[in-house]
C-alpha cells in the first residue's frame, strides 16, 4: 500500500511538472505563433524601418519562457501591446 501511494505522489508531481512546462492554450487561429523577445529583436534588425501591415502576430515570451502580455509581428518584429493588437484587429474587421 505504501509503494502504491508513493507511486501516486511521484506521478502527480511528474504531471504537475509537465503541465506547468506547456504554454497556455492558444485561442486564436491567425495569431498562433510563439516568439521570444530575442527573436523579435533579430527580426527588427533585419526588417529595419520599412513599413509593415503586421499580417500575423505571435504571443511574446521572455527568455525564461514565461508569457508576457505583449504580441510580436512575425514579419517585422515590432512589439504590440494588447490594446494595439485589439485596435489592429478592429481596423481589419476581425473579432477578438
C-alpha atoms as a PDB file:
ATOM      1  CA  UNK A   1       0.000   0.000   0.000  1.00  0.00           C
ATOM      2  CA  UNK A   2       2.831   2.467   0.821  1.00  0.00           C
ATOM      3  CA  UNK A   3       4.518   1.734  -2.503  1.00  0.00           C
ATOM      4  CA  UNK A   4       1.264   2.498  -4.293  1.00  0.00           C
ATOM      5  CA  UNK A   5       0.876   5.839  -2.510  1.00  0.00           C
ATOM      6  CA  UNK A   6       4.491   6.728  -3.235  1.00  0.00           C
ATOM      7  CA  UNK A   7       3.932   5.927  -6.914  1.00  0.00           C
ATOM      8  CA  UNK A   8       0.807   8.132  -6.999  1.00  0.00           C
ATOM      9  CA  UNK A   9       2.689  11.003  -5.348  1.00  0.00           C
ATOM     10  CA  UNK A  10       5.509  10.613  -7.880  1.00  0.00           C
ATOM     11  CA  UNK A  11       3.110  10.527 -10.853  1.00  0.00           C
ATOM     12  CA  UNK A  12       1.232  13.573  -9.561  1.00  0.00           C
ATOM     13  CA  UNK A  13       4.489  15.531  -9.224  1.00  0.00           C
ATOM     14  CA  UNK A  14       5.528  14.435 -12.713  1.00  0.00           C
ATOM     15  CA  UNK A  15       2.158  15.505 -14.148  1.00  0.00           C
ATOM     16  CA  UNK A  16       2.411  18.930 -12.486  1.00  0.00           C
ATOM     17  CA  UNK A  17       5.919  19.416 -13.913  1.00  0.00           C
ATOM     18  CA  UNK A  18       4.759  18.598 -17.430  1.00  0.00           C
ATOM     19  CA  UNK A  19       1.576  20.655 -17.114  1.00  0.00           C
ATOM     20  CA  UNK A  20       3.494  23.719 -15.920  1.00  0.00           C
ATOM     21  CA  UNK A  21       6.000  23.494 -18.780  1.00  0.00           C
ATOM     22  CA  UNK A  22       3.345  23.528 -21.528  1.00  0.00           C
ATOM     23  CA  UNK A  23       2.446  27.001 -22.868  1.00  0.00           C
ATOM     24  CA  UNK A  24      -1.039  28.330 -22.266  1.00  0.00           C
ATOM     25  CA  UNK A  25      -3.615  27.162 -24.806  1.00  0.00           C
ATOM     26  CA  UNK A  26      -3.836  29.386 -27.840  1.00  0.00           C
ATOM     27  CA  UNK A  27      -7.296  30.676 -28.634  1.00  0.00           C
ATOM     28  CA  UNK A  28      -6.542  32.447 -31.909  1.00  0.00           C
ATOM     29  CA  UNK A  29      -6.159  30.881 -35.318  1.00  0.00           C
ATOM     30  CA  UNK A  30      -4.389  33.762 -37.053  1.00  0.00           C
ATOM     31  CA  UNK A  31      -2.379  34.795 -34.002  1.00  0.00           C
ATOM     32  CA  UNK A  32      -0.977  31.356 -33.273  1.00  0.00           C
ATOM     33  CA  UNK A  33       2.790  31.653 -33.067  1.00  0.00           C
ATOM     34  CA  UNK A  34       5.070  31.958 -30.100  1.00  0.00           C
ATOM     35  CA  UNK A  35       8.105  34.222 -30.250  1.00  0.00           C
ATOM     36  CA  UNK A  36      10.769  35.081 -27.714  1.00  0.00           C
ATOM     37  CA  UNK A  37      11.925  38.669 -27.249  1.00  0.00           C
ATOM     38  CA  UNK A  38      15.402  37.877 -28.585  1.00  0.00           C
ATOM     39  CA  UNK A  39      13.936  36.509 -31.830  1.00  0.00           C
ATOM     40  CA  UNK A  40      11.870  39.680 -32.200  1.00  0.00           C
ATOM     41  CA  UNK A  41      14.957  41.834 -31.760  1.00  0.00           C
ATOM     42  CA  UNK A  42      16.743  39.981 -34.579  1.00  0.00           C
ATOM     43  CA  UNK A  43      13.661  40.347 -36.795  1.00  0.00           C
ATOM     44  CA  UNK A  44      13.516  44.123 -36.135  1.00  0.00           C
ATOM     45  CA  UNK A  45      17.199  44.482 -37.015  1.00  0.00           C
ATOM     46  CA  UNK A  46      16.689  42.563 -40.255  1.00  0.00           C
ATOM     47  CA  UNK A  47      13.446  44.349 -41.205  1.00  0.00           C
ATOM     48  CA  UNK A  48      14.679  47.860 -40.476  1.00  0.00           C
ATOM     49  CA  UNK A  49      12.348  50.849 -40.855  1.00  0.00           C
ATOM     50  CA  UNK A  50      10.332  49.505 -43.787  1.00  0.00           C
ATOM     51  CA  UNK A  51       6.542  49.774 -43.398  1.00  0.00           C
ATOM     52  CA  UNK A  52       4.656  46.674 -42.303  1.00  0.00           C
ATOM     53  CA  UNK A  53       0.942  45.897 -42.064  1.00  0.00           C
ATOM     54  CA  UNK A  54       1.581  43.214 -39.409  1.00  0.00           C
ATOM     55  CA  UNK A  55      -0.087  40.281 -41.217  1.00  0.00           C
ATOM     56  CA  UNK A  56       0.416  37.825 -38.340  1.00  0.00           C
ATOM     57  CA  UNK A  57       1.143  38.249 -34.662  1.00  0.00           C
ATOM     58  CA  UNK A  58       2.814  35.922 -32.188  1.00  0.00           C
ATOM     59  CA  UNK A  59       2.446  35.844 -28.435  1.00  0.00           C
ATOM     60  CA  UNK A  60       5.541  37.215 -26.768  1.00  0.00           C
ATOM     61  CA  UNK A  61       7.576  35.100 -24.357  1.00  0.00           C
ATOM     62  CA  UNK A  62      10.572  36.244 -22.326  1.00  0.00           C
ATOM     63  CA  UNK A  63      13.957  34.493 -22.207  1.00  0.00           C
ATOM     64  CA  UNK A  64      12.763  32.220 -19.388  1.00  0.00           C
ATOM     65  CA  UNK A  65       9.797  31.036 -21.453  1.00  0.00           C
ATOM     66  CA  UNK A  66       7.198  32.968 -19.460  1.00  0.00           C
ATOM     67  CA  UNK A  67       4.417  34.580 -21.448  1.00  0.00           C
ATOM     68  CA  UNK A  68       4.307  38.366 -21.417  1.00  0.00           C
ATOM     69  CA  UNK A  69       1.237  40.476 -22.116  1.00  0.00           C
ATOM     70  CA  UNK A  70       2.589  41.555 -25.499  1.00  0.00           C
ATOM     71  CA  UNK A  71       2.398  40.408 -29.097  1.00  0.00           C
ATOM     72  CA  UNK A  72       5.042  40.492 -31.827  1.00  0.00           C
ATOM     73  CA  UNK A  73       4.622  40.890 -35.577  1.00  0.00           C
ATOM     74  CA  UNK A  74       6.116  37.772 -37.168  1.00  0.00           C
ATOM     75  CA  UNK A  75       7.130  39.764 -40.244  1.00  0.00           C
ATOM     76  CA  UNK A  76       8.866  42.862 -38.859  1.00  0.00           C
ATOM     77  CA  UNK A  77       9.356  42.022 -35.162  1.00  0.00           C
ATOM     78  CA  UNK A  78       7.508  45.066 -33.807  1.00  0.00           C
ATOM     79  CA  UNK A  79       6.115  44.607 -30.318  1.00  0.00           C
ATOM     80  CA  UNK A  80       2.440  45.420 -29.806  1.00  0.00           C
ATOM     81  CA  UNK A  81       0.512  45.772 -26.579  1.00  0.00           C
ATOM     82  CA  UNK A  82      -2.810  44.021 -26.064  1.00  0.00           C
ATOM     83  CA  UNK A  83      -4.553  47.345 -26.783  1.00  0.00           C
ATOM     84  CA  UNK A  84      -2.616  47.891 -30.025  1.00  0.00           C
ATOM     85  CA  UNK A  85      -3.449  44.341 -31.109  1.00  0.00           C
ATOM     86  CA  UNK A  86      -7.134  44.936 -30.368  1.00  0.00           C
ATOM     87  CA  UNK A  87      -7.122  48.174 -32.385  1.00  0.00           C
ATOM     88  CA  UNK A  88      -5.362  46.445 -35.299  1.00  0.00           C
ATOM     89  CA  UNK A  89      -7.882  43.602 -35.300  1.00  0.00           C
ATOM     90  CA  UNK A  90     -10.778  46.060 -35.084  1.00  0.00           C
ATOM     91  CA  UNK A  91      -9.443  48.055 -38.050  1.00  0.00           C
ATOM     92  CA  UNK A  92      -9.341  44.824 -40.068  1.00  0.00           C
ATOM     93  CA  UNK A  93     -12.859  43.853 -39.049  1.00  0.00           C
ATOM     94  CA  UNK A  94     -11.636  40.814 -37.107  1.00  0.00           C
ATOM     95  CA  UNK A  95     -13.132  39.879 -33.768  1.00  0.00           C
ATOM     96  CA  UNK A  96     -11.101  39.420 -30.599  1.00  0.00           C
END
